[in-house]
Structure formats: C-alpha cells, structure tokens
Amino acid sequence: MRRDDLYLADIVEAAEAVTGFISGADEAGFVGNDMVRSAVLQKLTVIGEAAARISDALKQQHSTLPWQDIVAFRNIAVHKYFGIDWHIVWNAATIDVPSLHEEVLRIIAAQSEGDTDDTA
C-alpha cells in the first residue's frame, strides 16, 4: 500500500500542472480549448483518485478539507464525462485547486516537522 505522503505529493504535482495549464487563460479560452480542458480534467481526476486513497486517519486529522467532495468530483468527471459542466471545472481549477494546493503543502510540511531521525 502506498503511503499518504506519496498521495499528497500526487495532489501537489497535479495541482501545479493544472495551474500551469490554465496560466494566462480566461474561462472562454479554457472552454474553447479541448486540449487544455482535457489536460485539466485529467489532473483533477488524479487529484480525486489520490484523495480517495489517503488513509482515513489522515483525512480525520485534516477534516477541514472536503475530501468527499474531491472524490465525488473525480467520480463525476470519470463516469459522466459527456455531461461535464466546463464552468464548474473552470471554477475547480481556478478557485478550489489553488487553495487545495496550499492546504496539502501545509499538511506535508507539518508531517515533515513531525518526522524525526532516530538513527542520528
């Protein structure tokens, strides 16, 4: 089983990719660009998949994050692809992803501070 820190790293990496994909774009440009839409949606799916696999213990420790909503978004993106509302995806990419990115970085930093090297 993969460790939580690896799933958290997946979320950070995917969030950074989303930010890069939409850099300089507005919503109309995003909606009109199939390649960017597809890339953003794929990374949002990665975020949702990683969130689904994070341990319940970590989710409980950081219960202010909407873990269930993140996973639910992934499920909608995968199972209802042809009915996706691109305005919602745009909002997720521009509003939700940056705040999630910052929160996950805080979790990683807190976990790193809690790690001690007993071998020294």
PDB file of N, CA and C in Angstrom:
ATOM      1  N   MET A   1       0.845  -1.182   0.000  1.00  0.00           N
ATOM      2  CA  MET A   1       0.000   0.000   0.000  1.00  0.00           C
ATOM      3  C   MET A   1       0.888   1.242   0.000  1.00  0.00           C
ATOM      4  N   ARG A   2       0.566   2.190  -0.854  1.00  0.00           N
ATOM      5  CA  ARG A   2       1.322   3.439  -0.909  1.00  0.00           C
ATOM      6  C   ARG A   2       1.082   4.252   0.347  1.00  0.00           C
ATOM      7  N   ARG A   3       2.063   5.036   0.694  1.00  0.00           N
ATOM      8  CA  ARG A   3       1.962   5.899   1.868  1.00  0.00           C
ATOM      9  C   ARG A   3       1.207   7.181   1.529  1.00  0.00           C
ATOM     10  N   ASP A   4       0.616   7.761   2.563  1.00  0.00           N
ATOM     11  CA  ASP A   4      -0.133   9.012   2.393  1.00  0.00           C
ATOM     12  C   ASP A   4       0.718  10.124   1.799  1.00  0.00           C
ATOM     13  N   ASP A   5       1.988  10.197   2.196  1.00  0.00           N
ATOM     14  CA  ASP A   5       2.827  11.283   1.688  1.00  0.00           C
ATOM     15  C   ASP A   5       2.971  11.218   0.169  1.00  0.00           C
ATOM     16  N   LEU A   6       2.934  10.025  -0.390  1.00  0.00           N
ATOM     17  CA  LEU A   6       3.020   9.899  -1.849  1.00  0.00           C
ATOM     18  C   LEU A   6       1.731  10.372  -2.527  1.00  0.00           C
ATOM     19  N   TYR A   7       0.596  10.065  -1.914  1.00  0.00           N
ATOM     20  CA  TYR A   7      -0.670  10.564  -2.461  1.00  0.00           C
ATOM     21  C   TYR A   7      -0.748  12.085  -2.341  1.00  0.00           C
ATOM     22  N   LEU A   8      -0.264  12.617  -1.239  1.00  0.00           N
ATOM     23  CA  LEU A   8      -0.239  14.072  -1.072  1.00  0.00           C
ATOM     24  C   LEU A   8       0.657  14.710  -2.125  1.00  0.00           C
ATOM     25  N   ALA A   9       1.784  14.088  -2.405  1.00  0.00           N
ATOM     26  CA  ALA A   9       2.677  14.590  -3.449  1.00  0.00           C
ATOM     27  C   ALA A   9       2.003  14.538  -4.818  1.00  0.00           C
ATOM     28  N   ASP A  10       1.225  13.485  -5.062  1.00  0.00           N
ATOM     29  CA  ASP A  10       0.468  13.399  -6.321  1.00  0.00           C
ATOM     30  C   ASP A  10      -0.499  14.571  -6.451  1.00  0.00           C
ATOM     31  N   ILE A  11      -1.156  14.915  -5.350  1.00  0.00           N
ATOM     32  CA  ILE A  11      -2.104  16.039  -5.366  1.00  0.00           C
ATOM     33  C   ILE A  11      -1.373  17.335  -5.664  1.00  0.00           C
ATOM     34  N   VAL A  12      -0.261  17.567  -5.010  1.00  0.00           N
ATOM     35  CA  VAL A  12       0.508  18.790  -5.231  1.00  0.00           C
ATOM     36  C   VAL A  12       0.966  18.874  -6.688  1.00  0.00           C
ATOM     37  N   GLU A  13       1.518  17.787  -7.194  1.00  0.00           N
ATOM     38  CA  GLU A  13       2.007  17.769  -8.570  1.00  0.00           C
ATOM     39  C   GLU A  13       0.877  18.031  -9.570  1.00  0.00           C
ATOM     40  N   ALA A  14      -0.252  17.391  -9.371  1.00  0.00           N
ATOM     41  CA  ALA A  14      -1.383  17.585 -10.278  1.00  0.00           C
ATOM     42  C   ALA A  14      -1.926  19.005 -10.178  1.00  0.00           C
ATOM     43  N   ALA A  15      -1.983  19.554  -8.978  1.00  0.00           N
ATOM     44  CA  ALA A  15      -2.463  20.926  -8.794  1.00  0.00           C
ATOM     45  C   ALA A  15      -1.542  21.917  -9.487  1.00  0.00           C
ATOM     46  N   GLU A  16      -0.246  21.687  -9.388  1.00  0.00           N
ATOM     47  CA  GLU A  16       0.703  22.573 -10.065  1.00  0.00           C
ATOM     48  C   GLU A  16       0.568  22.476 -11.577  1.00  0.00           C
ATOM     49  N   ALA A  17       0.302  21.285 -12.077  1.00  0.00           N
ATOM     50  CA  ALA A  17       0.081  21.111 -13.511  1.00  0.00           C
ATOM     51  C   ALA A  17      -1.164  21.864 -13.958  1.00  0.00           C
ATOM     52  N   VAL A  18      -2.247  21.758 -13.183  1.00  0.00           N
ATOM     53  CA  VAL A  18      -3.486  22.477 -13.519  1.00  0.00           C
ATOM     54  C   VAL A  18      -3.206  23.972 -13.612  1.00  0.00           C
ATOM     55  N   THR A  19      -2.500  24.495 -12.622  1.00  0.00           N
ATOM     56  CA  THR A  19      -2.181  25.920 -12.614  1.00  0.00           C
ATOM     57  C   THR A  19      -1.380  26.296 -13.855  1.00  0.00           C
ATOM     58  N   GLY A  20      -0.436  25.470 -14.220  1.00  0.00           N
ATOM     59  CA  GLY A  20       0.349  25.735 -15.428  1.00  0.00           C
ATOM     60  C   GLY A  20      -0.480  25.670 -16.694  1.00  0.00           C
ATOM     61  N   PHE A  21      -1.376  24.707 -16.770  1.00  0.00           N
ATOM     62  CA  PHE A  21      -2.203  24.547 -17.968  1.00  0.00           C
ATOM     63  C   PHE A  21      -3.091  25.758 -18.225  1.00  0.00           C
ATOM     64  N   ILE A  22      -3.603  26.371 -17.157  1.00  0.00           N
ATOM     65  CA  ILE A  22      -4.555  27.471 -17.340  1.00  0.00           C
ATOM     66  C   ILE A  22      -3.910  28.842 -17.193  1.00  0.00           C
ATOM     67  N   SER A  23      -2.614  28.873 -16.973  1.00  0.00           N
ATOM     68  CA  SER A  23      -1.914  30.137 -16.810  1.00  0.00           C
ATOM     69  C   SER A  23      -2.168  31.061 -18.007  1.00  0.00           C
ATOM     70  N   GLY A  24      -2.625  32.246 -17.717  1.00  0.00           N
ATOM     71  CA  GLY A  24      -2.873  33.238 -18.767  1.00  0.00           C
ATOM     72  C   GLY A  24      -4.187  33.065 -19.501  1.00  0.00           C
ATOM     73  N   ALA A  25      -4.943  32.046 -19.160  1.00  0.00           N
ATOM     74  CA  ALA A  25      -6.208  31.796 -19.854  1.00  0.00           C
ATOM     75  C   ALA A  25      -7.360  32.428 -19.086  1.00  0.00           C
ATOM     76  N   ASP A  26      -8.413  32.724 -19.803  1.00  0.00           N
ATOM     77  CA  ASP A  26      -9.668  33.096 -19.165  1.00  0.00           C
ATOM     78  C   ASP A  26     -10.641  31.948 -19.391  1.00  0.00           C
ATOM     79  N   GLU A  27     -11.815  32.063 -18.809  1.00  0.00           N
ATOM     80  CA  GLU A  27     -12.757  30.943 -18.902  1.00  0.00           C
ATOM     81  C   GLU A  27     -13.147  30.632 -20.340  1.00  0.00           C
ATOM     82  N   ALA A  28     -13.360  31.652 -21.150  1.00  0.00           N
ATOM     83  CA  ALA A  28     -13.747  31.416 -22.549  1.00  0.00           C
ATOM     84  C   ALA A  28     -12.633  30.696 -23.305  1.00  0.00           C
ATOM     85  N   GLY A  29     -11.395  31.099 -23.058  1.00  0.00           N
ATOM     86  CA  GLY A  29     -10.272  30.444 -23.708  1.00  0.00           C
ATOM     87  C   GLY A  29     -10.131  29.001 -23.256  1.00  0.00           C
ATOM     88  N   PHE A  30     -10.377  28.767 -21.978  1.00  0.00           N
ATOM     89  CA  PHE A  30     -10.329  27.414 -21.435  1.00  0.00           C
ATOM     90  C   PHE A  30     -11.402  26.542 -22.081  1.00  0.00           C
ATOM     91  N   VAL A  31     -12.627  27.033 -22.083  1.00  0.00           N
ATOM     92  CA  VAL A  31     -13.743  26.256 -22.623  1.00  0.00           C
ATOM     93  C   VAL A  31     -13.548  25.972 -24.110  1.00  0.00           C
ATOM     94  N   GLY A  32     -12.912  26.892 -24.810  1.00  0.00           N
ATOM     95  CA  GLY A  32     -12.710  26.731 -26.243  1.00  0.00           C
ATOM     96  C   GLY A  32     -11.503  25.902 -26.636  1.00  0.00           C
ATOM     97  N   ASN A  33     -10.731  25.434 -25.665  1.00  0.00           N
ATOM     98  CA  ASN A  33      -9.510  24.702 -25.970  1.00  0.00           C
ATOM     99  C   ASN A  33      -9.629  23.263 -25.457  1.00  0.00           C
ATOM    100  N   ASP A  34      -9.950  22.360 -26.356  1.00  0.00           N
ATOM    101  CA  ASP A  34     -10.181  20.969 -25.983  1.00  0.00           C
ATOM    102  C   ASP A  34      -8.962  20.341 -25.320  1.00  0.00           C
ATOM    103  N   MET A  35      -7.773  20.657 -25.805  1.00  0.00           N
ATOM    104  CA  MET A  35      -6.574  20.055 -25.231  1.00  0.00           C
ATOM    105  C   MET A  35      -6.364  20.506 -23.781  1.00  0.00           C
ATOM    106  N   VAL A  36      -6.548  21.778 -23.513  1.00  0.00           N
ATOM    107  CA  VAL A  36      -6.381  22.283 -22.150  1.00  0.00           C
ATOM    108  C   VAL A  36      -7.474  21.733 -21.249  1.00  0.00           C
ATOM    109  N   ARG A  37      -8.720  21.722 -21.731  1.00  0.00           N
ATOM    110  CA  ARG A  37      -9.811  21.141 -20.934  1.00  0.00           C
ATOM    111  C   ARG A  37      -9.505  19.701 -20.560  1.00  0.00           C
ATOM    112  N   SER A  38      -9.058  18.933 -21.542  1.00  0.00           N
ATOM    113  CA  SER A  38      -8.756  17.519 -21.300  1.00  0.00           C
ATOM    114  C   SER A  38      -7.616  17.357 -20.308  1.00  0.00           C
ATOM    115  N   ALA A  39      -6.588  18.166 -20.441  1.00  0.00           N
ATOM    116  CA  ALA A  39      -5.440  18.080 -19.539  1.00  0.00           C
ATOM    117  C   ALA A  39      -5.838  18.444 -18.110  1.00  0.00           C
ATOM    118  N   VAL A  40      -6.601  19.509 -17.962  1.00  0.00           N
ATOM    119  CA  VAL A  40      -7.051  19.935 -16.634  1.00  0.00           C
ATOM    120  C   VAL A  40      -7.933  18.860 -16.015  1.00  0.00           C
ATOM    121  N   LEU A  41      -8.864  18.346 -16.780  1.00  0.00           N
ATOM    122  CA  LEU A  41      -9.766  17.329 -16.251  1.00  0.00           C
ATOM    123  C   LEU A  41      -9.005  16.071 -15.835  1.00  0.00           C
ATOM    124  N   GLN A  42      -8.000  15.691 -16.607  1.00  0.00           N
ATOM    125  CA  GLN A  42      -7.211  14.513 -16.245  1.00  0.00           C
ATOM    126  C   GLN A  42      -6.499  14.736 -14.918  1.00  0.00           C
ATOM    127  N   LYS A  43      -5.925  15.910 -14.723  1.00  0.00           N
ATOM    128  CA  LYS A  43      -5.214  16.192 -13.462  1.00  0.00           C
ATOM    129  C   LYS A  43      -6.204  16.298 -12.298  1.00  0.00           C
ATOM    130  N   LEU A  44      -7.389  16.823 -12.532  1.00  0.00           N
ATOM    131  CA  LEU A  44      -8.402  16.846 -11.475  1.00  0.00           C
ATOM    132  C   LEU A  44      -8.811  15.427 -11.095  1.00  0.00           C
ATOM    133  N   THR A  45      -8.820  14.552 -12.075  1.00  0.00           N
ATOM    134  CA  THR A  45      -9.114  13.144 -11.820  1.00  0.00           C
ATOM    135  C   THR A  45      -8.002  12.511 -10.971  1.00  0.00           C
ATOM    136  N   VAL A  46      -6.759  12.842 -11.264  1.00  0.00           N
ATOM    137  CA  VAL A  46      -5.631  12.359 -10.459  1.00  0.00           C
ATOM    138  C   VAL A  46      -5.776  12.838  -9.018  1.00  0.00           C
ATOM    139  N   ILE A  47      -6.136  14.102  -8.848  1.00  0.00           N
ATOM    140  CA  ILE A  47      -6.329  14.655  -7.504  1.00  0.00           C
ATOM    141  C   ILE A  47      -7.412  13.865  -6.764  1.00  0.00           C
ATOM    142  N   GLY A  48      -8.515  13.614  -7.440  1.00  0.00           N
ATOM    143  CA  GLY A  48      -9.608  12.865  -6.817  1.00  0.00           C
ATOM    144  C   GLY A  48      -9.232  11.438  -6.490  1.00  0.00           C
ATOM    145  N   GLU A  49      -8.485  10.810  -7.370  1.00  0.00           N
ATOM    146  CA  GLU A  49      -8.051   9.433  -7.126  1.00  0.00           C
ATOM    147  C   GLU A  49      -7.094   9.379  -5.940  1.00  0.00           C
ATOM    148  N   ALA A  50      -6.169  10.310  -5.873  1.00  0.00           N
ATOM    149  CA  ALA A  50      -5.231  10.348  -4.742  1.00  0.00           C
ATOM    150  C   ALA A  50      -5.981  10.616  -3.440  1.00  0.00           C
ATOM    151  N   ALA A  51      -6.933  11.542  -3.478  1.00  0.00           N
ATOM    152  CA  ALA A  51      -7.719  11.856  -2.275  1.00  0.00           C
ATOM    153  C   ALA A  51      -8.496  10.635  -1.798  1.00  0.00           C
ATOM    154  N   ALA A  52      -8.991   9.845  -2.733  1.00  0.00           N
ATOM    155  CA  ALA A  52      -9.749   8.643  -2.370  1.00  0.00           C
ATOM    156  C   ALA A  52      -8.884   7.614  -1.661  1.00  0.00           C
ATOM    157  N   ARG A  53      -7.596   7.626  -1.926  1.00  0.00           N
ATOM    158  CA  ARG A  53      -6.697   6.606  -1.393  1.00  0.00           C
ATOM    159  C   ARG A  53      -5.968   7.029  -0.124  1.00  0.00           C
ATOM    160  N   ILE A  54      -6.113   8.278   0.258  1.00  0.00           N
ATOM    161  CA  ILE A  54      -5.497   8.748   1.501  1.00  0.00           C
ATOM    162  C   ILE A  54      -6.187   8.062   2.672  1.00  0.00           C
ATOM    163  N   SER A  55      -5.408   7.734   3.677  1.00  0.00           N
ATOM    164  CA  SER A  55      -5.941   6.997   4.824  1.00  0.00           C
ATOM    165  C   SER A  55      -7.027   7.792   5.551  1.00  0.00           C
ATOM    166  N   ASP A  56      -7.932   7.055   6.154  1.00  0.00           N
ATOM    167  CA  ASP A  56      -8.981   7.686   6.951  1.00  0.00           C
ATOM    168  C   ASP A  56      -8.392   8.482   8.105  1.00  0.00           C
ATOM    169  N   ALA A  57      -7.298   7.998   8.663  1.00  0.00           N
ATOM    170  CA  ALA A  57      -6.661   8.696   9.785  1.00  0.00           C
ATOM    171  C   ALA A  57      -6.197  10.089   9.372  1.00  0.00           C
ATOM    172  N   LEU A  58      -5.552  10.188   8.215  1.00  0.00           N
ATOM    173  CA  LEU A  58      -5.095  11.497   7.754  1.00  0.00           C
ATOM    174  C   LEU A  58      -6.282  12.394   7.412  1.00  0.00           C
ATOM    175  N   LYS A  59      -7.298  11.818   6.792  1.00  0.00           N
ATOM    176  CA  LYS A  59      -8.499  12.599   6.464  1.00  0.00           C
ATOM    177  C   LYS A  59      -9.150  13.144   7.733  1.00  0.00           C
ATOM    178  N   GLN A  60      -9.176  12.349   8.784  1.00  0.00           N
ATOM    179  CA  GLN A  60      -9.757  12.806  10.045  1.00  0.00           C
ATOM    180  C   GLN A  60      -8.900  13.885  10.687  1.00  0.00           C
ATOM    181  N   GLN A  61      -7.591  13.764  10.578  1.00  0.00           N
ATOM    182  CA  GLN A  61      -6.685  14.783  11.123  1.00  0.00           C
ATOM    183  C   GLN A  61      -6.869  16.117  10.414  1.00  0.00           C
ATOM    184  N   HIS A  62      -7.236  16.064   9.158  1.00  0.00           N
ATOM    185  CA  HIS A  62      -7.381  17.266   8.332  1.00  0.00           C
ATOM    186  C   HIS A  62      -8.796  17.313   7.763  1.00  0.00           C
ATOM    187  N   SER A  63      -9.744  17.259   8.666  1.00  0.00           N
ATOM    188  CA  SER A  63     -11.153  17.144   8.282  1.00  0.00           C
ATOM    189  C   SER A  63     -11.739  18.431   7.695  1.00  0.00           C
ATOM    190  N   THR A  64     -10.991  19.523   7.744  1.00  0.00           N
ATOM    191  CA  THR A  64     -11.493  20.757   7.134  1.00  0.00           C
ATOM    192  C   THR A  64     -11.431  20.703   5.615  1.00  0.00           C
ATOM    193  N   LEU A  65     -10.611  19.809   5.086  1.00  0.00           N
ATOM    194  CA  LEU A  65     -10.578  19.642   3.636  1.00  0.00           C
ATOM    195  C   LEU A  65     -11.785  18.824   3.193  1.00  0.00           C
ATOM    196  N   PRO A  66     -12.385  19.182   2.069  1.00  0.00           N
ATOM    197  CA  PRO A  66     -13.583  18.471   1.605  1.00  0.00           C
ATOM    198  C   PRO A  66     -13.233  17.193   0.841  1.00  0.00           C
ATOM    199  N   TRP A  67     -12.650  16.234   1.545  1.00  0.00           N
ATOM    200  CA  TRP A  67     -12.183  15.010   0.903  1.00  0.00           C
ATOM    201  C   TRP A  67     -13.273  14.335   0.076  1.00  0.00           C
ATOM    202  N   GLN A  68     -14.468  14.217   0.647  1.00  0.00           N
ATOM    203  CA  GLN A  68     -15.558  13.530  -0.064  1.00  0.00           C
ATOM    204  C   GLN A  68     -15.946  14.274  -1.335  1.00  0.00           C
ATOM    205  N   ASP A  69     -15.947  15.597  -1.276  1.00  0.00           N
ATOM    206  CA  ASP A  69     -16.285  16.389  -2.469  1.00  0.00           C
ATOM    207  C   ASP A  69     -15.238  16.219  -3.561  1.00  0.00           C
ATOM    208  N   ILE A  70     -13.974  16.149  -3.160  1.00  0.00           N
ATOM    209  CA  ILE A  70     -12.892  15.964  -4.131  1.00  0.00           C
ATOM    210  C   ILE A  70     -13.053  14.620  -4.838  1.00  0.00           C
ATOM    211  N   VAL A  71     -13.333  13.592  -4.074  1.00  0.00           N
ATOM    212  CA  VAL A  71     -13.526  12.261  -4.649  1.00  0.00           C
ATOM    213  C   VAL A  71     -14.791  12.238  -5.509  1.00  0.00           C
ATOM    214  N   ALA A  72     -15.844  12.881  -5.046  1.00  0.00           N
ATOM    215  CA  ALA A  72     -17.093  12.917  -5.814  1.00  0.00           C
ATOM    216  C   ALA A  72     -16.898  13.619  -7.155  1.00  0.00           C
ATOM    217  N   PHE A  73     -16.098  14.685  -7.166  1.00  0.00           N
ATOM    218  CA  PHE A  73     -15.813  15.387  -8.418  1.00  0.00           C
ATOM    219  C   PHE A  73     -15.116  14.439  -9.396  1.00  0.00           C
ATOM    220  N   ARG A  74     -14.165  13.670  -8.883  1.00  0.00           N
ATOM    221  CA  ARG A  74     -13.462  12.697  -9.723  1.00  0.00           C
ATOM    222  C   ARG A  74     -14.436  11.691 -10.312  1.00  0.00           C
ATOM    223  N   ASN A  75     -15.357  11.209  -9.487  1.00  0.00           N
ATOM    224  CA  ASN A  75     -16.321  10.222  -9.961  1.00  0.00           C
ATOM    225  C   ASN A  75     -17.220  10.795 -11.047  1.00  0.00           C
ATOM    226  N   ILE A  76     -17.633  12.023 -10.881  1.00  0.00           N
ATOM    227  CA  ILE A  76     -18.455  12.673 -11.918  1.00  0.00           C
ATOM    228  C   ILE A  76     -17.653  12.838 -13.200  1.00  0.00           C
ATOM    229  N   ALA A  77     -16.413  13.293 -13.069  1.00  0.00           N
ATOM    230  CA  ALA A  77     -15.568  13.517 -14.242  1.00  0.00           C
ATOM    231  C   ALA A  77     -15.351  12.230 -15.028  1.00  0.00           C
ATOM    232  N   VAL A  78     -15.183  11.140 -14.335  1.00  0.00           N
ATOM    233  CA  VAL A  78     -14.900   9.865 -14.995  1.00  0.00           C
ATOM    234  C   VAL A  78     -16.171   9.223 -15.548  1.00  0.00           C
ATOM    235  N   HIS A  79     -17.243   9.254 -14.778  1.00  0.00           N
ATOM    236  CA  HIS A  79     -18.432   8.495 -15.150  1.00  0.00           C
ATOM    237  C   HIS A  79     -19.474   9.296 -15.929  1.00  0.00           C
ATOM    238  N   LYS A  80     -19.379  10.599 -15.896  1.00  0.00           N
ATOM    239  CA  LYS A  80     -20.359  11.420 -16.614  1.00  0.00           C
ATOM    240  C   LYS A  80     -19.648  12.406 -17.539  1.00  0.00           C
ATOM    241  N   TYR A  81     -18.579  11.926 -18.173  1.00  0.00           N
ATOM    242  CA  TYR A  81     -17.719  12.791 -18.977  1.00  0.00           C
ATOM    243  C   TYR A  81     -18.491  13.629 -19.984  1.00  0.00           C
ATOM    244  N   PHE A  82     -19.456  13.043 -20.647  1.00  0.00           N
ATOM    245  CA  PHE A  82     -20.146  13.758 -21.706  1.00  0.00           C
ATOM    246  C   PHE A  82     -21.137  14.792 -21.184  1.00  0.00           C
ATOM    247  N   GLY A  83     -21.355  14.801 -19.882  1.00  0.00           N
ATOM    248  CA  GLY A  83     -22.255  15.777 -19.294  1.00  0.00           C
ATOM    249  C   GLY A  83     -21.543  16.795 -18.420  1.00  0.00           C
ATOM    250  N   ILE A  84     -20.245  16.929 -18.599  1.00  0.00           N
ATOM    251  CA  ILE A  84     -19.456  17.824 -17.747  1.00  0.00           C
ATOM    252  C   ILE A  84     -19.821  19.276 -18.014  1.00  0.00           C
ATOM    253  N   ASP A  85     -19.968  20.011 -16.937  1.00  0.00           N
ATOM    254  CA  ASP A  85     -20.186  21.458 -16.992  1.00  0.00           C
ATOM    255  C   ASP A  85     -18.807  22.106 -16.879  1.00  0.00           C
ATOM    256  N   TRP A  86     -18.314  22.641 -17.987  1.00  0.00           N
ATOM    257  CA  TRP A  86     -16.956  23.179 -18.023  1.00  0.00           C
ATOM    258  C   TRP A  86     -16.801  24.414 -17.148  1.00  0.00           C
ATOM    259  N   HIS A  87     -17.891  25.110 -16.873  1.00  0.00           N
ATOM    260  CA  HIS A  87     -17.836  26.242 -15.939  1.00  0.00           C
ATOM    261  C   HIS A  87     -17.455  25.741 -14.542  1.00  0.00           C
ATOM    262  N   ILE A  88     -18.007  24.609 -14.137  1.00  0.00           N
ATOM    263  CA  ILE A  88     -17.670  24.024 -12.835  1.00  0.00           C
ATOM    264  C   ILE A  88     -16.211  23.579 -12.817  1.00  0.00           C
ATOM    265  N   VAL A  89     -15.751  22.995 -13.906  1.00  0.00           N
ATOM    266  CA  VAL A  89     -14.346  22.580 -13.992  1.00  0.00           C
ATOM    267  C   VAL A  89     -13.437  23.802 -13.903  1.00  0.00           C
ATOM    268  N   TRP A  90     -13.805  24.878 -14.595  1.00  0.00           N
ATOM    269  CA  TRP A  90     -13.025  26.118 -14.546  1.00  0.00           C
ATOM    270  C   TRP A  90     -12.944  26.638 -13.103  1.00  0.00           C
ATOM    271  N   ASN A  91     -14.066  26.652 -12.423  1.00  0.00           N
ATOM    272  CA  ASN A  91     -14.077  27.111 -11.028  1.00  0.00           C
ATOM    273  C   ASN A  91     -13.222  26.210 -10.146  1.00  0.00           C
ATOM    274  N   ALA A  92     -13.305  24.924 -10.367  1.00  0.00           N
ATOM    275  CA  ALA A  92     -12.476  23.996  -9.596  1.00  0.00           C
ATOM    276  C   ALA A  92     -10.995  24.284  -9.840  1.00  0.00           C
ATOM    277  N   ALA A  93     -10.653  24.513 -11.099  1.00  0.00           N
ATOM    278  CA  ALA A  93      -9.252  24.742 -11.464  1.00  0.00           C
ATOM    279  C   ALA A  93      -8.722  26.076 -10.946  1.00  0.00           C
ATOM    280  N   THR A  94      -9.564  27.087 -10.942  1.00  0.00           N
ATOM    281  CA  THR A  94      -9.083  28.429 -10.590  1.00  0.00           C
ATOM    282  C   THR A  94      -9.305  28.808  -9.133  1.00  0.00           C
ATOM    283  N   ILE A  95     -10.252  28.166  -8.482  1.00  0.00           N
ATOM    284  CA  ILE A  95     -10.576  28.518  -7.085  1.00  0.00           C
ATOM    285  C   ILE A  95     -10.187  27.387  -6.139  1.00  0.00           C
ATOM    286  N   ASP A  96     -10.702  26.197  -6.409  1.00  0.00           N
ATOM    287  CA  ASP A  96     -10.516  25.078  -5.485  1.00  0.00           C
ATOM    288  C   ASP A  96      -9.094  24.519  -5.502  1.00  0.00           C
ATOM    289  N   VAL A  97      -8.530  24.353  -6.688  1.00  0.00           N
ATOM    290  CA  VAL A  97      -7.206  23.746  -6.789  1.00  0.00           C
ATOM    291  C   VAL A  97      -6.126  24.582  -6.093  1.00  0.00           C
ATOM    292  N   PRO A  98      -6.083  25.908  -6.296  1.00  0.00           N
ATOM    293  CA  PRO A  98      -5.044  26.664  -5.581  1.00  0.00           C
ATOM    294  C   PRO A  98      -5.153  26.567  -4.061  1.00  0.00           C
ATOM    295  N   SER A  99      -6.358  26.600  -3.525  1.00  0.00           N
ATOM    296  CA  SER A  99      -6.490  26.501  -2.070  1.00  0.00           C
ATOM    297  C   SER A  99      -6.158  25.081  -1.597  1.00  0.00           C
ATOM    298  N   LEU A 100      -6.557  24.064  -2.350  1.00  0.00           N
ATOM    299  CA  LEU A 100      -6.200  22.692  -2.014  1.00  0.00           C
ATOM    300  C   LEU A 100      -4.679  22.530  -2.036  1.00  0.00           C
ATOM    301  N   HIS A 101      -4.040  23.078  -3.040  1.00  0.00           N
ATOM    302  CA  HIS A 101      -2.585  23.010  -3.162  1.00  0.00           C
ATOM    303  C   HIS A 101      -1.920  23.559  -1.903  1.00  0.00           C
ATOM    304  N   GLU A 102      -2.362  24.718  -1.462  1.00  0.00           N
ATOM    305  CA  GLU A 102      -1.768  25.336  -0.270  1.00  0.00           C
ATOM    306  C   GLU A 102      -2.016  24.491   0.980  1.00  0.00           C
ATOM    307  N   GLU A 103      -3.222  23.972   1.119  1.00  0.00           N
ATOM    308  CA  GLU A 103      -3.539  23.145   2.289  1.00  0.00           C
ATOM    309  C   GLU A 103      -2.714  21.862   2.313  1.00  0.00           C
ATOM    310  N   VAL A 104      -2.564  21.235   1.168  1.00  0.00           N
ATOM    311  CA  VAL A 104      -1.800  19.994   1.115  1.00  0.00           C
ATOM    312  C   VAL A 104      -0.318  20.266   1.380  1.00  0.00           C
ATOM    313  N   LEU A 105       0.189  21.381   0.890  1.00  0.00           N
ATOM    314  CA  LEU A 105       1.572  21.746   1.213  1.00  0.00           C
ATOM    315  C   LEU A 105       1.743  21.930   2.721  1.00  0.00           C
ATOM    316  N   ARG A 106       0.736  22.516   3.375  1.00  0.00           N
ATOM    317  CA  ARG A 106       0.801  22.671   4.838  1.00  0.00           C
ATOM    318  C   ARG A 106       0.816  21.303   5.538  1.00  0.00           C
ATOM    319  N   ILE A 107       0.004  20.387   5.045  1.00  0.00           N
ATOM    320  CA  ILE A 107      -0.028  19.035   5.627  1.00  0.00           C
ATOM    321  C   ILE A 107       1.337  18.372   5.476  1.00  0.00           C
ATOM    322  N   ILE A 108       1.912  18.474   4.285  1.00  0.00           N
ATOM    323  CA  ILE A 108       3.224  17.872   4.036  1.00  0.00           C
ATOM    324  C   ILE A 108       4.272  18.495   4.952  1.00  0.00           C
ATOM    325  N   ALA A 109       4.246  19.810   5.088  1.00  0.00           N
ATOM    326  CA  ALA A 109       5.209  20.497   5.961  1.00  0.00           C
ATOM    327  C   ALA A 109       5.038  20.055   7.410  1.00  0.00           C
ATOM    328  N   ALA A 110       3.798  19.945   7.855  1.00  0.00           N
ATOM    329  CA  ALA A 110       3.539  19.516   9.235  1.00  0.00           C
ATOM    330  C   ALA A 110       4.020  18.093   9.454  1.00  0.00           C
ATOM    331  N   GLN A 111       3.817  17.231   8.474  1.00  0.00           N
ATOM    332  CA  GLN A 111       4.291  15.857   8.593  1.00  0.00           C
ATOM    333  C   GLN A 111       5.820  15.810   8.617  1.00  0.00           C
ATOM    334  N   SER A 112       6.441  16.653   7.829  1.00  0.00           N
ATOM    335  CA  SER A 112       7.908  16.698   7.795  1.00  0.00           C
ATOM    336  C   SER A 112       8.473  17.178   9.117  1.00  0.00           C
ATOM    337  N   GLU A 113       7.802  18.165   9.715  1.00  0.00           N
ATOM    338  CA  GLU A 113       8.247  18.671  11.014  1.00  0.00           C
ATOM    339  C   GLU A 113       8.090  17.611  12.092  1.00  0.00           C
ATOM    340  N   GLY A 114       7.101  16.747  11.944  1.00  0.00           N
ATOM    341  CA  GLY A 114       6.852  15.701  12.926  1.00  0.00           C
ATOM    342  C   GLY A 114       7.788  14.511  12.787  1.00  0.00           C
ATOM    343  N   ASP A 115       8.434  14.400  11.616  1.00  0.00           N
ATOM    344  CA  ASP A 115       9.358  13.292  11.399  1.00  0.00           C
ATOM    345  C   ASP A 115      10.657  13.563  12.152  1.00  0.00           C
ATOM    346  N   THR A 116      11.152  12.540  12.813  1.00  0.00           N
ATOM    347  CA  THR A 116      12.446  12.648  13.478  1.00  0.00           C
ATOM    348  C   THR A 116      13.316  11.511  13.020  1.00  0.00           C
ATOM    349  N   ASP A 117      14.579  11.753  12.971  1.00  0.00           N
ATOM    350  CA  ASP A 117      15.535  10.730  12.556  1.00  0.00           C
ATOM    351  C   ASP A 117      16.182  10.157  13.817  1.00  0.00           C
ATOM    352  N   ASP A 118      15.749   9.006  14.218  1.00  0.00           N
ATOM    353  CA  ASP A 118      16.266   8.375  15.413  1.00  0.00           C
ATOM    354  C   ASP A 118      17.608   7.682  15.202  1.00  0.00           C
ATOM    355  N   THR A 119      18.070   7.653  13.971  1.00  0.00           N
ATOM    356  CA  THR A 119      19.313   6.957  13.683  1.00  0.00           C
ATOM    357  C   THR A 119      20.534   7.846  13.898  1.00  0.00           C
ATOM    358  N   ALA A 120      20.339   9.115  14.087  1.00  0.00           N
ATOM    359  CA  ALA A 120      21.478  10.036  14.224  1.00  0.00           C
ATOM    360  C   ALA A 120      22.085   9.998  15.606  1.00  0.00           C
TER     361      ALA A 120
END
